[in-house]
Amino acid sequence: MSPFRSHMDIALSEARAAAERGEVPVGAVLLAADGTELARAGNRTRELNDPTAHAEILVLRAACALTRSERLPGASLYVTLEPCAMCAAAISAARIARLYYAASDPKSGGVAHGARVFSHPQAHHSPEVYEGLAASEAEKLLRDFFAARRA
């Protein structure tokens, strides 16, 4: 078994690119079971005029198109912010094996906060969840982004 390697740096890079586009700085990267990168993205809700264009949804769509499957068993998803309920439900539907997220989201999160999607009996699948990887960097990106918007 190979040692664990975090790919949160890629997700953070996507989050920074999203911020530069005027999007809320959230980024994600999705890896296949063998560790091959399937997709990476940052939020594009404003650019695409699409409330579902969260980073997580975008990487799930791209990876499913690439693999020609609606399920991604064994895959690992790295995201800079705790997924919302919509994204958590999509993660469950795609059968993602492992979810790594940086910053917690007490206001809109759907994993450890709010809806807690994976703990519901209606959730068809619950991934392994790891939180807090590079949390301080992700939190700073978000704080700086919203502070600049208020200025």
Protein backbone atom coordinates (compact mmCIF):
# COMPACT_ATOMS: atom_id res chain seq x y z
CA MET A 1 0.00 0.00 0.00
CA SER A 2 1.40 3.39 -0.97
CA PRO A 3 1.64 6.15 1.63
CA PHE A 4 -1.11 8.76 1.83
CA ARG A 5 -0.59 11.86 -0.29
CA SER A 6 -2.94 14.78 0.02
CA HIS A 7 -4.07 16.47 -3.18
CA MET A 8 -5.56 19.43 -1.33
CA ASP A 9 -2.91 21.69 -2.90
CA ILE A 10 -4.61 21.14 -6.28
CA ALA A 11 -8.03 21.94 -4.82
CA LEU A 12 -6.60 25.10 -3.23
CA SER A 13 -5.15 26.14 -6.59
CA GLU A 14 -8.60 25.72 -8.16
CA ALA A 15 -10.12 27.77 -5.31
CA ARG A 16 -7.64 30.60 -5.91
CA ALA A 17 -8.49 30.55 -9.64
CA ALA A 18 -12.20 30.70 -8.77
CA ALA A 19 -11.59 33.77 -6.59
CA GLU A 20 -9.74 35.46 -9.46
CA ARG A 21 -12.85 34.91 -11.61
CA GLY A 22 -15.02 36.52 -8.91
CA GLU A 23 -16.43 33.19 -7.75
CA VAL A 24 -16.59 32.03 -4.14
CA PRO A 25 -13.16 30.40 -3.71
CA VAL A 26 -13.97 26.72 -3.53
CA GLY A 27 -11.95 24.16 -5.46
CA ALA A 28 -12.03 20.41 -5.89
CA VAL A 29 -10.06 17.56 -7.42
CA LEU A 30 -11.30 14.00 -7.96
CA LEU A 31 -9.02 10.97 -8.14
CA ALA A 32 -9.81 7.48 -9.42
CA ALA A 33 -9.29 4.47 -7.17
CA ASP A 34 -5.78 4.04 -8.64
CA GLY A 35 -4.87 7.67 -7.81
CA THR A 36 -5.20 8.99 -11.37
CA GLU A 37 -6.64 12.48 -11.53
CA LEU A 38 -10.06 12.41 -13.19
CA ALA A 39 -11.08 16.06 -12.89
CA ARG A 40 -10.42 19.37 -11.17
CA ALA A 41 -12.55 22.50 -10.96
CA GLY A 42 -13.42 25.60 -9.03
CA ASN A 43 -16.82 27.16 -8.47
CA ARG A 44 -18.43 28.62 -11.63
CA THR A 45 -21.96 29.49 -10.46
CA ARG A 46 -21.72 33.13 -11.54
CA GLU A 47 -19.86 32.48 -14.79
CA LEU A 48 -22.30 29.78 -15.90
CA ASN A 49 -25.40 31.35 -14.32
CA ASP A 50 -25.95 27.95 -12.73
CA PRO A 51 -26.64 27.51 -9.00
CA THR A 52 -25.48 23.88 -9.27
CA ALA A 53 -22.04 24.74 -10.70
CA HIS A 54 -20.25 24.10 -7.42
CA ALA A 55 -16.70 22.73 -7.69
CA GLU A 56 -17.82 19.31 -6.44
CA ILE A 57 -20.62 19.00 -8.98
CA LEU A 58 -18.34 20.09 -11.82
CA VAL A 59 -15.71 17.45 -11.02
CA LEU A 60 -18.36 14.76 -10.61
CA ARG A 61 -19.88 15.64 -14.00
CA ALA A 62 -16.49 15.66 -15.73
CA ALA A 63 -15.34 12.40 -14.14
CA CYS A 64 -18.62 10.62 -14.90
CA ALA A 65 -18.43 11.78 -18.52
CA LEU A 66 -14.81 10.62 -18.75
CA THR A 67 -15.52 7.18 -17.24
CA ARG A 68 -18.93 6.87 -18.91
CA SER A 69 -20.47 5.90 -15.60
CA GLU A 70 -22.76 7.59 -13.08
CA ARG A 71 -20.80 5.93 -10.27
CA LEU A 72 -17.20 6.39 -9.25
CA PRO A 73 -16.47 3.61 -6.74
CA GLY A 74 -13.11 3.86 -5.03
CA ALA A 75 -12.69 7.54 -5.97
CA SER A 76 -11.35 10.20 -3.61
CA LEU A 77 -12.63 13.77 -3.63
CA TYR A 78 -10.65 16.68 -2.20
CA VAL A 79 -12.55 19.94 -1.70
CA THR A 80 -11.58 23.14 0.07
CA LEU A 81 -14.91 23.65 1.87
CA GLU A 82 -17.33 21.25 3.53
CA PRO A 83 -19.80 20.26 0.82
CA CYS A 84 -23.33 21.66 1.00
CA ALA A 85 -26.33 19.32 1.15
CA MET A 86 -26.71 19.32 -2.67
CA CYS A 87 -23.09 18.36 -3.20
CA ALA A 88 -23.12 15.78 -0.39
CA ALA A 89 -26.16 14.09 -1.98
CA ALA A 90 -24.36 14.00 -5.34
CA ILE A 91 -21.22 12.58 -3.67
CA SER A 92 -23.37 9.85 -2.14
CA ALA A 93 -25.11 9.10 -5.45
CA ALA A 94 -21.74 8.83 -7.22
CA ARG A 95 -20.53 6.36 -4.57
CA ILE A 96 -17.37 8.33 -3.80
CA ALA A 97 -15.23 6.28 -1.41
CA ARG A 98 -13.37 9.05 0.40
CA LEU A 99 -14.13 12.73 0.94
CA TYR A 100 -11.40 15.07 2.19
CA TYR A 101 -12.36 18.65 2.94
CA ALA A 102 -10.42 21.58 4.33
CA ALA A 103 -12.64 24.18 6.00
CA SER A 104 -15.83 23.42 7.90
CA ASP A 105 -18.98 25.31 6.91
CA PRO A 106 -21.27 25.73 9.94
CA LYS A 107 -23.65 27.94 7.92
CA SER A 108 -24.16 25.90 4.72
CA GLY A 109 -22.33 22.61 5.20
CA GLY A 110 -24.16 19.36 4.61
CA VAL A 111 -21.69 16.82 6.02
CA ALA A 112 -20.80 17.69 9.62
CA HIS A 113 -23.27 20.59 9.85
CA GLY A 114 -26.78 21.33 8.69
CA ALA A 115 -28.40 18.45 6.83
CA ARG A 116 -25.65 15.91 7.68
CA VAL A 117 -26.59 14.05 4.51
CA PHE A 118 -24.40 10.99 5.04
CA SER A 119 -25.92 10.22 8.44
CA HIS A 120 -29.48 9.94 7.09
CA PRO A 121 -30.93 6.48 6.53
CA GLN A 122 -31.96 7.71 3.05
CA ALA A 123 -28.29 8.11 2.04
CA HIS A 124 -27.54 5.19 -0.26
CA HIS A 125 -23.82 5.51 0.37
CA SER A 126 -21.63 7.26 2.93
CA PRO A 127 -17.99 7.91 2.07
CA GLU A 128 -15.17 7.93 4.56
CA VAL A 129 -14.88 11.58 5.61
CA TYR A 130 -11.68 13.36 6.58
CA GLU A 131 -11.88 17.02 7.54
CA GLY A 132 -9.38 19.74 8.29
CA LEU A 133 -6.67 19.16 5.66
CA ALA A 134 -5.18 22.62 4.96
CA ALA A 135 -8.15 24.16 6.78
CA SER A 136 -6.35 27.37 7.76
CA GLU A 137 -5.33 28.13 4.16
CA ALA A 138 -8.85 27.46 2.85
CA GLU A 139 -10.40 29.55 5.62
CA LYS A 140 -8.03 32.44 4.84
CA LEU A 141 -8.97 32.32 1.14
CA LEU A 142 -12.65 32.56 2.06
CA ARG A 143 -12.13 35.29 4.68
CA ASP A 144 -10.02 37.40 2.34
CA PHE A 145 -12.49 36.95 -0.54
CA PHE A 146 -15.52 38.07 1.48
CA ALA A 147 -13.60 40.89 3.22
CA ALA A 148 -12.66 42.31 -0.19
CA ARG A 149 -16.30 42.12 -1.32
CA ARG A 150 -17.41 44.09 1.76
CA ALA A 151 -14.70 46.74 1.34
